[in-house]
PDB file of N, CA and C in Angstrom:
ATOM      1  N   CYS A   1      64.748  57.661 178.478  1.00  0.00           N
ATOM      2  CA  CYS A   1      62.981  58.060 179.219  1.00  0.00           C
ATOM      3  C   CYS A   1      63.215  58.881 179.193  1.00  0.00           C
ATOM      4  N   ASN A   2      62.055  59.862 179.090  1.00  0.00           N
ATOM      5  CA  ASN A   2      61.430  61.300 179.668  1.00  0.00           C
ATOM      6  C   ASN A   2      60.992  61.773 180.893  1.00  0.00           C
ATOM      7  N   ALA A   3      61.372  62.208 181.571  1.00  0.00           N
ATOM      8  CA  ALA A   3      60.205  61.993 182.725  1.00  0.00           C
ATOM      9  C   ALA A   3      59.051  61.519 182.964  1.00  0.00           C
ATOM     10  N   GLY A   4      58.413  61.054 183.252  1.00  0.00           N
ATOM     11  CA  GLY A   4      57.415  60.466 184.077  1.00  0.00           C
ATOM     12  C   GLY A   4      57.184  58.695 183.511  1.00  0.00           C
ATOM     13  N   TYR A   5      58.251  58.369 182.419  1.00  0.00           N
ATOM     14  CA  TYR A   5      58.222  57.273 181.706  1.00  0.00           C
ATOM     15  C   TYR A   5      59.871  56.665 182.554  1.00  0.00           C
ATOM     16  N   ALA A   6      59.750  55.466 182.745  1.00  0.00           N
ATOM     17  CA  ALA A   6      61.005  54.000 182.970  1.00  0.00           C
ATOM     18  C   ALA A   6      60.681  53.104 182.035  1.00  0.00           C
ATOM     19  N   GLY A   7      62.756  53.277 182.225  1.00  0.00           N
ATOM     20  CA  GLY A   7      63.162  51.983 181.006  1.00  0.00           C
ATOM     21  C   GLY A   7      64.943  51.930 181.164  1.00  0.00           C
ATOM     22  N   PRO A   8      65.410  50.873 179.958  1.00  0.00           N
ATOM     23  CA  PRO A   8      66.874  50.803 179.707  1.00  0.00           C
ATOM     24  C   PRO A   8      67.126  52.166 179.496  1.00  0.00           C
ATOM     25  N   ALA A   9      68.001  52.807 179.034  1.00  0.00           N
ATOM     26  CA  ALA A   9      68.966  53.804 178.689  1.00  0.00           C
ATOM     27  C   ALA A   9      68.630  53.392 176.525  1.00  0.00           C
ATOM     28  N   GLY A  10      68.271  53.857 176.253  1.00  0.00           N
ATOM     29  CA  GLY A  10      67.428  54.019 174.417  1.00  0.00           C
ATOM     30  C   GLY A  10      66.539  53.152 174.098  1.00  0.00           C
ATOM     31  N   GLY A  11      65.293  52.790 175.428  1.00  0.00           N
ATOM     32  CA  GLY A  11      64.111  52.110 175.468  1.00  0.00           C
ATOM     33  C   GLY A  11      63.720  50.627 175.438  1.00  0.00           C
ATOM     34  N   PRO A  12      62.677  50.105 175.219  1.00  0.00           N
ATOM     35  CA  PRO A  12      61.666  50.513 175.673  1.00  0.00           C
ATOM     36  C   PRO A  12      61.523  51.423 176.581  1.00  0.00           C
ATOM     37  N   CYS A  13      60.763  52.277 176.605  1.00  0.00           N
ATOM     38  CA  CYS A  13      60.479  52.835 177.581  1.00  0.00           C
ATOM     39  C   CYS A  13      58.372  52.392 178.468  1.00  0.00           C
ATOM     40  N   THR A  14      58.449  52.692 179.141  1.00  0.00           N
ATOM     41  CA  THR A  14      56.776  52.408 180.134  1.00  0.00           C
ATOM     42  C   THR A  14      56.561  53.576 180.727  1.00  0.00           C
ATOM     43  N   VAL A  15      54.998  53.597 180.663  1.00  0.00           N
ATOM     44  CA  VAL A  15      54.549  55.554 181.316  1.00  0.00           C
ATOM     45  C   VAL A  15      54.954  54.903 183.110  1.00  0.00           C
ATOM     46  N   CYS A  16      54.986  55.722 183.588  1.00  0.00           N
ATOM     47  CA  CYS A  16      54.607  55.377 185.289  1.00  0.00           C
ATOM     48  C   CYS A  16      53.507  55.783 185.760  1.00  0.00           C
ATOM     49  N   GLU A  17      53.059  54.374 186.281  1.00  0.00           N
ATOM     50  CA  GLU A  17      51.476  54.028 187.239  1.00  0.00           C
ATOM     51  C   GLU A  17      51.321  55.375 187.602  1.00  0.00           C
ATOM     52  N   PRO A  18      50.232  55.718 188.363  1.00  0.00           N
ATOM     53  CA  PRO A  18      49.785  56.486 189.647  1.00  0.00           C
ATOM     54  C   PRO A  18      50.460  56.143 190.807  1.00  0.00           C
ATOM     55  N   GLY A  19      50.759  57.164 191.592  1.00  0.00           N
ATOM     56  CA  GLY A  19      51.348  56.768 193.049  1.00  0.00           C
ATOM     57  C   GLY A  19      52.998  55.844 192.941  1.00  0.00           C
ATOM     58  N   THR A  20      53.292  56.427 191.296  1.00  0.00           N
ATOM     59  CA  THR A  20      54.915  56.190 191.089  1.00  0.00           C
ATOM     60  C   THR A  20      55.039  57.326 190.360  1.00  0.00           C
ATOM     61  N   ALA A  21      56.827  57.530 190.204  1.00  0.00           N
ATOM     62  CA  ALA A  21      57.050  58.604 189.416  1.00  0.00           C
ATOM     63  C   ALA A  21      58.383  59.124 189.435  1.00  0.00           C
ATOM     64  N   ASN A  22      59.097  58.770 187.871  1.00  0.00           N
ATOM     65  CA  ASN A  22      60.536  58.909 187.937  1.00  0.00           C
ATOM     66  C   ASN A  22      60.346  60.406 187.249  1.00  0.00           C
ATOM     67  N   ASP A  23      60.694  61.610 188.049  1.00  0.00           N
ATOM     68  CA  ASP A  23      60.680  62.400 187.274  1.00  0.00           C
ATOM     69  C   ASP A  23      62.442  63.534 187.534  1.00  0.00           C
ATOM     70  N   SER A  24      63.162  62.153 186.895  1.00  0.00           N
ATOM     71  CA  SER A  24      64.406  62.489 187.135  1.00  0.00           C
ATOM     72  C   SER A  24      65.462  62.912 185.795  1.00  0.00           C
ATOM     73  N   GLY A  25      63.866  62.446 184.354  1.00  0.00           N
ATOM     74  CA  GLY A  25      64.977  63.551 183.502  1.00  0.00           C
ATOM     75  C   GLY A  25      65.497  62.016 182.716  1.00  0.00           C
ATOM     76  N   GLN A  26      66.483  60.889 183.201  1.00  0.00           N
ATOM     77  CA  GLN A  26      66.978  60.155 183.087  1.00  0.00           C
ATOM     78  C   GLN A  26      66.235  58.618 183.006  1.00  0.00           C
ATOM     79  N   ALA A  27      66.834  57.909 182.396  1.00  0.00           N
ATOM     80  CA  ALA A  27      66.636  56.170 182.294  1.00  0.00           C
ATOM     81  C   ALA A  27      66.528  56.126 183.915  1.00  0.00           C
ATOM     82  N   GLY A  28      65.598  54.900 184.334  1.00  0.00           N
ATOM     83  CA  GLY A  28      65.425  54.716 185.152  1.00  0.00           C
ATOM     84  C   GLY A  28      63.792  54.111 186.077  1.00  0.00           C
ATOM     85  N   PRO A  29      63.962  53.262 187.083  1.00  0.00           N
ATOM     86  CA  PRO A  29      63.154  52.692 187.284  1.00  0.00           C
ATOM     87  C   PRO A  29      61.257  54.042 187.806  1.00  0.00           C
ATOM     88  N   CYS A  30      60.811  53.935 187.730  1.00  0.00           N
ATOM     89  CA  CYS A  30      59.237  54.246 188.433  1.00  0.00           C
ATOM     90  C   CYS A  30      59.504  54.201 189.591  1.00  0.00           C
ATOM     91  N   LEU A  31      59.645  54.641 190.834  1.00  0.00           N
ATOM     92  CA  LEU A  31      59.639  54.804 192.138  1.00  0.00           C
ATOM     93  C   LEU A  31      58.852  55.002 192.712  1.00  0.00           C
ATOM     94  N   GLU A  32      57.889  54.109 193.629  1.00  0.00           N
ATOM     95  CA  GLU A  32      57.065  54.225 194.740  1.00  0.00           C
ATOM     96  C   GLU A  32      56.729  55.468 194.996  1.00  0.00           C
ATOM     97  N   CYS A  33      55.334  56.261 194.748  1.00  0.00           N
ATOM     98  CA  CYS A  33      55.559  57.719 196.240  1.00  0.00           C
ATOM     99  C   CYS A  33      55.511  57.223 197.632  1.00  0.00           C
ATOM    100  N   ALA A  34      56.649  57.908 198.140  1.00  0.00           N
ATOM    101  CA  ALA A  34      56.676  57.571 199.974  1.00  0.00           C
ATOM    102  C   ALA A  34      55.404  57.943 200.598  1.00  0.00           C
ATOM    103  N   PRO A  35      55.402  56.910 201.708  1.00  0.00           N
ATOM    104  CA  PRO A  35      54.413  57.265 202.236  1.00  0.00           C
ATOM    105  C   PRO A  35      54.085  58.595 202.649  1.00  0.00           C
ATOM    106  N   GLY A  36      52.019  58.976 203.068  1.00  0.00           N
ATOM    107  CA  GLY A  36      52.118  60.968 203.116  1.00  0.00           C
ATOM    108  C   GLY A  36      52.331  61.421 201.776  1.00  0.00           C
ATOM    109  N   THR A  37      52.642  60.608 200.418  1.00  0.00           N
ATOM    110  CA  THR A  37      52.429  61.317 199.552  1.00  0.00           C
ATOM    111  C   THR A  37      51.630  60.158 198.291  1.00  0.00           C
ATOM    112  N   TYR A  38      51.241  61.472 197.096  1.00  0.00           N
ATOM    113  CA  TYR A  38      50.513  60.575 196.240  1.00  0.00           C
ATOM    114  C   TYR A  38      50.911  61.450 195.312  1.00  0.00           C
ATOM    115  N   LYS A  39      50.294  60.641 193.888  1.00  0.00           N
ATOM    116  CA  LYS A  39      50.633  60.907 192.743  1.00  0.00           C
ATOM    117  C   LYS A  39      49.237  60.208 191.555  1.00  0.00           C
ATOM    118  N   THR A  40      48.213  61.452 191.564  1.00  0.00           N
ATOM    119  CA  THR A  40      47.337  60.323 191.114  1.00  0.00           C
ATOM    120  C   THR A  40      46.670  60.529 189.281  1.00  0.00           C
ATOM    121  N   SER A  41      47.879  60.533 188.660  1.00  0.00           N
ATOM    122  CA  SER A  41      47.596  60.734 187.078  1.00  0.00           C
ATOM    123  C   SER A  41      49.172  59.599 186.687  1.00  0.00           C
ATOM    124  N   ALA A  42      48.877  58.661 185.569  1.00  0.00           N
ATOM    125  CA  ALA A  42      49.832  58.460 184.845  1.00  0.00           C
ATOM    126  C   ALA A  42      50.972  59.528 184.501  1.00  0.00           C
ATOM    127  N   GLY A  43      52.188  59.176 183.705  1.00  0.00           N
ATOM    128  CA  GLY A  43      53.003  59.674 183.355  1.00  0.00           C
ATOM    129  C   GLY A  43      53.773  60.779 184.522  1.00  0.00           C
ATOM    130  N   PRO A  44      53.818  61.712 183.702  1.00  0.00           N
ATOM    131  CA  PRO A  44      55.170  62.946 184.255  1.00  0.00           C
ATOM    132  C   PRO A  44      54.348  63.599 184.654  1.00  0.00           C
ATOM    133  N   GLY A  45      55.166  63.636 186.541  1.00  0.00           N
ATOM    134  CA  GLY A  45      54.844  64.304 187.900  1.00  0.00           C
ATOM    135  C   GLY A  45      55.332  64.938 188.813  1.00  0.00           C
ATOM    136  N   VAL A  46      55.221  64.883 189.910  1.00  0.00           N
ATOM    137  CA  VAL A  46      56.111  64.152 191.050  1.00  0.00           C
ATOM    138  C   VAL A  46      54.831  63.902 192.256  1.00  0.00           C
ATOM    139  N   CYS A  47      55.482  62.996 193.072  1.00  0.00           N
ATOM    140  CA  CYS A  47      54.371  62.974 194.304  1.00  0.00           C
ATOM    141  C   CYS A  47      54.385  64.296 195.412  1.00  0.00           C
ATOM    142  N   LEU A  48      53.078  64.513 195.321  1.00  0.00           N
ATOM    143  CA  LEU A  48      52.775  65.473 196.024  1.00  0.00           C
ATOM    144  C   LEU A  48      52.405  65.119 197.408  1.00  0.00           C
ATOM    145  N   GLU A  49      52.188  65.862 198.829  1.00  0.00           N
ATOM    146  CA  GLU A  49      52.357  65.604 200.500  1.00  0.00           C
ATOM    147  C   GLU A  49      50.670  65.678 200.552  1.00  0.00           C
ATOM    148  N   CYS A  50      50.401  65.198 201.068  1.00  0.00           N
ATOM    149  CA  CYS A  50      49.178  64.963 201.523  1.00  0.00           C
ATOM    150  C   CYS A  50      48.967  65.937 202.547  1.00  0.00           C
ATOM    151  N   LEU A  51      47.722  66.542 202.744  1.00  0.00           N
ATOM    152  CA  LEU A  51      47.079  67.799 203.102  1.00  0.00           C
ATOM    153  C   LEU A  51      46.700  67.286 204.537  1.00  0.00           C
ATOM    154  N   ALA A  52      46.902  68.198 205.767  1.00  0.00           N
ATOM    155  CA  ALA A  52      46.226  67.689 207.097  1.00  0.00           C
ATOM    156  C   ALA A  52      45.253  67.811 206.903  1.00  0.00           C
ATOM    157  N   GLY A  53      44.806  66.366 207.715  1.00  0.00           N
ATOM    158  CA  GLY A  53      43.206  65.910 207.531  1.00  0.00           C
ATOM    159  C   GLY A  53      43.187  64.541 207.031  1.00  0.00           C
ATOM    160  N   SER A  54      44.471  64.587 206.473  1.00  0.00           N
ATOM    161  CA  SER A  54      44.305  62.915 205.251  1.00  0.00           C
ATOM    162  C   SER A  54      45.816  62.224 205.337  1.00  0.00           C
ATOM    163  N   TYR A  55      46.098  60.987 204.619  1.00  0.00           N
ATOM    164  CA  TYR A  55      46.781  60.154 204.882  1.00  0.00           C
ATOM    165  C   TYR A  55      46.676  59.436 203.607  1.00  0.00           C
ATOM    166  N   ALA A  56      48.354  58.751 203.568  1.00  0.00           N
ATOM    167  CA  ALA A  56      48.476  57.780 201.878  1.00  0.00           C
ATOM    168  C   ALA A  56      50.007  56.834 203.004  1.00  0.00           C
ATOM    169  N   PRO A  57      49.233  55.440 202.742  1.00  0.00           N
ATOM    170  CA  PRO A  57      50.602  54.761 202.649  1.00  0.00           C
ATOM    171  C   PRO A  57      51.309  55.417 201.515  1.00  0.00           C
ATOM    172  N   GLN A  58      52.494  53.968 201.488  1.00  0.00           N
ATOM    173  CA  GLN A  58      53.268  54.037 200.330  1.00  0.00           C
ATOM    174  C   GLN A  58      52.602  53.634 198.844  1.00  0.00           C
ATOM    175  N   ALA A  59      53.387  54.796 197.250  1.00  0.00           N
ATOM    176  CA  ALA A  59      52.553  53.840 196.651  1.00  0.00           C
ATOM    177  C   ALA A  59      50.894  54.287 196.558  1.00  0.00           C
ATOM    178  N   ALA A  60      50.710  55.494 197.135  1.00  0.00           N
ATOM    179  CA  ALA A  60      49.282  55.419 196.413  1.00  0.00           C
ATOM    180  C   ALA A  60      49.202  56.590 196.191  1.00  0.00           C
ATOM    181  N   SER A  61      48.098  56.470 195.459  1.00  0.00           N
ATOM    182  CA  SER A  61      47.621  57.310 194.287  1.00  0.00           C
ATOM    183  C   SER A  61      46.332  58.879 194.401  1.00  0.00           C
ATOM    184  N   SER A  62      46.230  58.394 195.930  1.00  0.00           N
ATOM    185  CA  SER A  62      45.357  59.496 196.158  1.00  0.00           C
ATOM    186  C   SER A  62      45.312  59.498 197.963  1.00  0.00           C
ATOM    187  N   CYS A  63      45.226  60.769 198.770  1.00  0.00           N
ATOM    188  CA  CYS A  63      44.954  60.710 199.953  1.00  0.00           C
ATOM    189  C   CYS A  63      43.761  60.108 200.985  1.00  0.00           C
ATOM    190  N   SER A  64      43.776  59.639 201.498  1.00  0.00           N
ATOM    191  CA  SER A  64      42.262  59.244 202.380  1.00  0.00           C
ATOM    192  C   SER A  64      42.305  60.257 203.832  1.00  0.00           C
ATOM    193  N   ALA A  65      40.564  60.880 203.699  1.00  0.00           N
ATOM    194  CA  ALA A  65      40.436  61.523 204.748  1.00  0.00           C
ATOM    195  C   ALA A  65      40.352  60.797 206.397  1.00  0.00           C
ATOM    196  N   CYS A  66      41.051  61.627 207.068  1.00  0.00           N
ATOM    197  CA  CYS A  66      40.698  61.020 208.794  1.00  0.00           C
ATOM    198  C   CYS A  66      39.727  60.941 209.039  1.00  0.00           C
ATOM    199  N   PRO A  67      39.268  59.907 209.938  1.00  0.00           N
ATOM    200  CA  PRO A  67      37.533  59.759 210.117  1.00  0.00           C
ATOM    201  C   PRO A  67      37.320  60.988 210.904  1.00  0.00           C
ATOM    202  N   GLU A  68      35.512  61.101 210.726  1.00  0.00           N
ATOM    203  CA  GLU A  68      35.037  62.443 211.074  1.00  0.00           C
ATOM    204  C   GLU A  68      35.506  62.322 212.790  1.00  0.00           C
ATOM    205  N   GLY A  69      35.967  64.159 212.927  1.00  0.00           N
ATOM    206  CA  GLY A  69      36.183  64.130 214.187  1.00  0.00           C
ATOM    207  C   GLY A  69      37.331  64.372 214.562  1.00  0.00           C
ATOM    208  N   SER A  70      38.560  63.504 213.681  1.00  0.00           N
ATOM    209  CA  SER A  70      40.272  64.211 213.944  1.00  0.00           C
ATOM    210  C   SER A  70      40.989  64.800 212.333  1.00  0.00           C
ATOM    211  N   THR A  71      42.015  64.537 212.592  1.00  0.00           N
ATOM    212  CA  THR A  71      42.920  65.450 212.103  1.00  0.00           C
ATOM    213  C   THR A  71      44.060  64.894 212.047  1.00  0.00           C
ATOM    214  N   SER A  72      44.865  65.539 211.099  1.00  0.00           N
ATOM    215  CA  SER A  72      46.495  64.349 210.955  1.00  0.00           C
ATOM    216  C   SER A  72      47.645  66.075 210.603  1.00  0.00           C
ATOM    217  N   ALA A  73      48.606  65.821 210.553  1.00  0.00           N
ATOM    218  CA  ALA A  73      49.592  66.880 209.968  1.00  0.00           C
ATOM    219  C   ALA A  73      49.498  66.688 208.765  1.00  0.00           C
ATOM    220  N   PRO A  74      50.514  67.353 208.168  1.00  0.00           N
ATOM    221  CA  PRO A  74      50.362  66.762 206.619  1.00  0.00           C
ATOM    222  C   PRO A  74      51.209  66.288 206.174  1.00  0.00           C
ATOM    223  N   GLY A  75      51.715  65.125 205.297  1.00  0.00           N
ATOM    224  CA  GLY A  75      51.993  63.899 205.019  1.00  0.00           C
ATOM    225  C   GLY A  75      52.595  62.698 206.235  1.00  0.00           C
ATOM    226  N   SER A  76      50.387  62.763 206.836  1.00  0.00           N
ATOM    227  CA  SER A  76      50.692  61.769 207.168  1.00  0.00           C
ATOM    228  C   SER A  76      50.473  60.860 206.660  1.00  0.00           C
ATOM    229  N   ALA A  77      51.225  59.353 207.057  1.00  0.00           N
ATOM    230  CA  ALA A  77      51.699  58.119 206.367  1.00  0.00           C
ATOM    231  C   ALA A  77      50.036  57.151 206.334  1.00  0.00           C
ATOM    232  N   SER A  78      49.876  57.225 207.739  1.00  0.00           N
ATOM    233  CA  SER A  78      48.632  55.993 208.082  1.00  0.00           C
ATOM    234  C   SER A  78      47.315  56.883 208.885  1.00  0.00           C
ATOM    235  N   GLN A  79      46.201  55.449 209.383  1.00  0.00           N
ATOM    236  CA  GLN A  79      45.265  56.235 209.299  1.00  0.00           C
ATOM    237  C   GLN A  79      45.485  56.590 211.201  1.00  0.00           C
ATOM    238  N   ALA A  80      46.563  55.736 211.397  1.00  0.00           N
ATOM    239  CA  ALA A  80      46.686  55.860 212.993  1.00  0.00           C
ATOM    240  C   ALA A  80      47.207  57.332 212.957  1.00  0.00           C
ATOM    241  N   SER A  81      47.971  57.903 212.361  1.00  0.00           N
ATOM    242  CA  SER A  81      48.246  59.684 212.535  1.00  0.00           C
ATOM    243  C   SER A  81      46.842  60.368 212.844  1.00  0.00           C
ATOM    244  N   CYS A  82      46.141  59.730 212.944  1.00  0.00           N
ATOM    245  CA  CYS A  82      44.740  61.220 212.534  1.00  0.00           C
ATOM    246  C   CYS A  82      44.252  60.770 214.771  1.00  0.00           C
ATOM    247  N   LEU A  83      44.180  62.110 214.924  1.00  0.00           N
ATOM    248  CA  LEU A  83      43.760  62.253 216.382  1.00  0.00           C
ATOM    249  C   LEU A  83      42.403  63.054 216.678  1.00  0.00           C
ATOM    250  N   CYS A  84      42.275  62.496 217.541  1.00  0.00           N
ATOM    251  CA  CYS A  84      40.509  62.983 217.894  1.00  0.00           C
ATOM    252  C   CYS A  84      40.510  64.885 217.618  1.00  0.00           C
ATOM    253  N   ASN A  85      39.892  65.389 217.731  1.00  0.00           N
ATOM    254  CA  ASN A  85      39.879  66.831 217.851  1.00  0.00           C
ATOM    255  C   ASN A  85      39.425  67.636 218.751  1.00  0.00           C
ATOM    256  N   ALA A  86      40.058  68.631 219.440  1.00  0.00           N
ATOM    257  CA  ALA A  86      39.312  68.984 220.199  1.00  0.00           C
ATOM    258  C   ALA A  86      37.423  68.629 220.542  1.00  0.00           C
ATOM    259  N   GLY A  87      37.024  68.156 222.158  1.00  0.00           N
ATOM    260  CA  GLY A  87      35.473  68.053 222.201  1.00  0.00           C
ATOM    261  C   GLY A  87      35.087  66.843 221.637  1.00  0.00           C
ATOM    262  N   TYR A  88      36.176  65.776 221.100  1.00  0.00           N
ATOM    263  CA  TYR A  88      36.341  64.779 220.262  1.00  0.00           C
ATOM    264  C   TYR A  88      36.744  63.533 220.897  1.00  0.00           C
ATOM    265  N   VAL A  89      36.977  62.545 221.462  1.00  0.00           N
ATOM    266  CA  VAL A  89      37.613  61.382 222.082  1.00  0.00           C
ATOM    267  C   VAL A  89      37.567  60.236 221.345  1.00  0.00           C
ATOM    268  N   GLY A  90      38.615  59.618 221.340  1.00  0.00           N
ATOM    269  CA  GLY A  90      38.994  57.769 220.418  1.00  0.00           C
ATOM    270  C   GLY A  90      40.338  57.932 220.437  1.00  0.00           C
ATOM    271  N   GLU A  91      40.464  56.915 221.037  1.00  0.00           N
ATOM    272  CA  GLU A  91      41.894  55.908 219.887  1.00  0.00           C
ATOM    273  C   GLU A  91      42.788  57.058 218.619  1.00  0.00           C
ATOM    274  N   PRO A  92      43.997  57.078 218.698  1.00  0.00           N
ATOM    275  CA  PRO A  92      44.516  57.028 217.355  1.00  0.00           C
ATOM    276  C   PRO A  92      44.057  56.362 216.149  1.00  0.00           C
ATOM    277  N   GLY A  93      43.322  56.975 215.145  1.00  0.00           N
ATOM    278  CA  GLY A  93      42.962  56.076 213.737  1.00  0.00           C
ATOM    279  C   GLY A  93      41.531  56.781 214.049  1.00  0.00           C
ATOM    280  N   GLY A  94      40.675  56.763 214.925  1.00  0.00           N
ATOM    281  CA  GLY A  94      39.642  56.690 215.739  1.00  0.00           C
ATOM    282  C   GLY A  94      38.912  55.248 215.073  1.00  0.00           C
ATOM    283  N   PRO A  95      37.870  55.585 215.529  1.00  0.00           N
ATOM    284  CA  PRO A  95      36.933  56.373 215.134  1.00  0.00           C
ATOM    285  C   PRO A  95      36.402  57.273 216.676  1.00  0.00           C
ATOM    286  N   CYS A  96      36.717  59.066 216.471  1.00  0.00           N
ATOM    287  CA  CYS A  96      36.184  59.155 217.362  1.00  0.00           C
ATOM    288  C   CYS A  96      34.230  60.160 217.289  1.00  0.00           C
ATOM    289  N   ARG A  97      33.870  59.850 218.461  1.00  0.00           N
ATOM    290  CA  ARG A  97      32.871  60.335 219.013  1.00  0.00           C
ATOM    291  C   ARG A  97      33.163  61.720 220.171  1.00  0.00           C
ATOM    292  N   ALA A  98      32.179  62.980 219.680  1.00  0.00           N
ATOM    293  CA  ALA A  98      31.540  63.774 220.613  1.00  0.00           C
ATOM    294  C   ALA A  98      31.625  63.653 221.636  1.00  0.00           C
ATOM    295  N   CYS A  99      32.073  64.769 222.642  1.00  0.00           N
ATOM    296  CA  CYS A  99      31.885  64.848 224.622  1.00  0.00           C
ATOM    297  C   CYS A  99      30.384  64.762 224.136  1.00  0.00           C
ATOM    298  N   PRO A 100      29.990  64.926 225.808  1.00  0.00           N
ATOM    299  CA  PRO A 100      28.241  65.114 226.299  1.00  0.00           C
ATOM    300  C   PRO A 100      27.974  66.103 225.850  1.00  0.00           C
ATOM    301  N   GLN A 101      26.617  67.204 225.749  1.00  0.00           N
ATOM    302  CA  GLN A 101      26.435  68.014 225.124  1.00  0.00           C
ATOM    303  C   GLN A 101      26.890  69.076 226.961  1.00  0.00           C
ATOM    304  N   PHE A 102      27.363  69.787 226.782  1.00  0.00           N
ATOM    305  CA  PHE A 102      28.052  70.579 227.397  1.00  0.00           C
ATOM    306  C   PHE A 102      29.167  70.804 227.729  1.00  0.00           C
ATOM    307  N   SER A 103      29.873  69.747 227.092  1.00  0.00           N
ATOM    308  CA  SER A 103      31.443  69.277 228.032  1.00  0.00           C
ATOM    309  C   SER A 103      32.340  69.610 227.072  1.00  0.00           C
ATOM    310  N   SER A 104      33.277  68.998 226.927  1.00  0.00           N
ATOM    311  CA  SER A 104      34.705  69.202 226.159  1.00  0.00           C
ATOM    312  C   SER A 104      35.636  68.113 226.583  1.00  0.00           C
ATOM    313  N   ALA A 105      36.355  67.821 225.955  1.00  0.00           N
ATOM    314  CA  ALA A 105      37.750  67.380 226.057  1.00  0.00           C
ATOM    315  C   ALA A 105      38.917  67.919 225.445  1.00  0.00           C
ATOM    316  N   PRO A 106      40.309  68.033 225.696  1.00  0.00           N
ATOM    317  CA  PRO A 106      41.602  68.859 224.721  1.00  0.00           C
ATOM    318  C   PRO A 106      41.648  67.494 223.842  1.00  0.00           C
ATOM    319  N   PRO A 107      42.322  68.450 223.033  1.00  0.00           N
ATOM    320  CA  PRO A 107      42.551  67.710 221.321  1.00  0.00           C
ATOM    321  C   PRO A 107      43.586  66.413 221.486  1.00  0.00           C
ATOM    322  N   THR A 108      43.293  64.931 221.399  1.00  0.00           N
ATOM    323  CA  THR A 108      44.205  64.114 220.942  1.00  0.00           C
ATOM    324  C   THR A 108      43.622  63.354 222.276  1.00  0.00           C
ATOM    325  N   SER A 109      42.275  63.787 222.837  1.00  0.00           N
ATOM    326  CA  SER A 109      41.683  62.919 224.164  1.00  0.00           C
ATOM    327  C   SER A 109      41.551  61.062 223.210  1.00  0.00           C
ATOM    328  N   ALA A 110      41.383  60.413 224.545  1.00  0.00           N
ATOM    329  CA  ALA A 110      40.898  59.187 224.332  1.00  0.00           C
ATOM    330  C   ALA A 110      40.441  58.593 224.706  1.00  0.00           C
ATOM    331  N   LEU A 111      39.839  58.687 226.448  1.00  0.00           N
ATOM    332  CA  LEU A 111      39.148  58.618 227.178  1.00  0.00           C
ATOM    333  C   LEU A 111      37.138  59.239 227.247  1.00  0.00           C
ATOM    334  N   LEU A 112      36.418  59.178 226.993  1.00  0.00           N
ATOM    335  CA  LEU A 112      35.378  59.663 227.654  1.00  0.00           C
ATOM    336  C   LEU A 112      35.428  60.182 228.951  1.00  0.00           C
ATOM    337  N   SER A 113      35.988  59.621 229.825  1.00  0.00           N
ATOM    338  CA  SER A 113      36.595  60.684 230.768  1.00  0.00           C
ATOM    339  C   SER A 113      37.101  61.669 230.896  1.00  0.00           C
ATOM    340  N   ASN A 114      37.928  61.795 230.037  1.00  0.00           N
ATOM    341  CA  ASN A 114      38.589  63.310 229.857  1.00  0.00           C
ATOM    342  C   ASN A 114      37.602  64.163 229.097  1.00  0.00           C
ATOM    343  N   CYS A 115      36.126  63.972 228.954  1.00  0.00           N
ATOM    344  CA  CYS A 115      35.267  64.962 228.870  1.00  0.00           C
ATOM    345  C   CYS A 115      34.972  65.435 229.839  1.00  0.00           C
ATOM    346  N   THR A 116      35.278  66.979 230.097  1.00  0.00           N
ATOM    347  CA  THR A 116      34.827  67.683 231.537  1.00  0.00           C
ATOM    348  C   THR A 116      33.819  68.763 230.920  1.00  0.00           C
ATOM    349  N   CYS A 117      32.866  68.952 231.971  1.00  0.00           N
ATOM    350  CA  CYS A 117      31.577  70.344 232.107  1.00  0.00           C
ATOM    351  C   CYS A 117      32.619  71.524 231.718  1.00  0.00           C
ATOM    352  N   ASN A 118      31.732  71.481 231.172  1.00  0.00           N
ATOM    353  CA  ASN A 118      32.329  73.520 230.664  1.00  0.00           C
ATOM    354  C   ASN A 118      31.692  74.643 231.465  1.00  0.00           C
ATOM    355  N   ALA A 119      32.842  75.626 231.590  1.00  0.00           N
ATOM    356  CA  ALA A 119      32.224  76.705 232.606  1.00  0.00           C
ATOM    357  C   ALA A 119      30.905  77.166 232.578  1.00  0.00           C
ATOM    358  N   GLY A 120      30.085  77.054 233.489  1.00  0.00           N
ATOM    359  CA  GLY A 120      29.626  78.407 233.595  1.00  0.00           C
ATOM    360  C   GLY A 120      28.034  77.297 233.874  1.00  0.00           C
TER     361      GLY A 120
END
């Protein structure tokens, strides 16, 4: 089977669905995209790494955005990888809420008590 298809040597070959790939160019199964990667279309192609600020479980056809006020490292596999940005507080995976006016918190802060008054 050609790349993007799977089946026994000599056929029949079936197309690899979104979230799976067989880019070896040889007979074999379509393999699920690893966590933190995705493939949007059926057929030929490779699983691509999710960008920073998004995540994907295994066999994903797209990446999901982190909740508002948070981000994640490239290739993140779950929403729990999304950590609050500076000036926001919340548990890993969100939701993150903004610190009160005239205060801020360092990145990855979980508690409202981490918000401290700005200088001045």
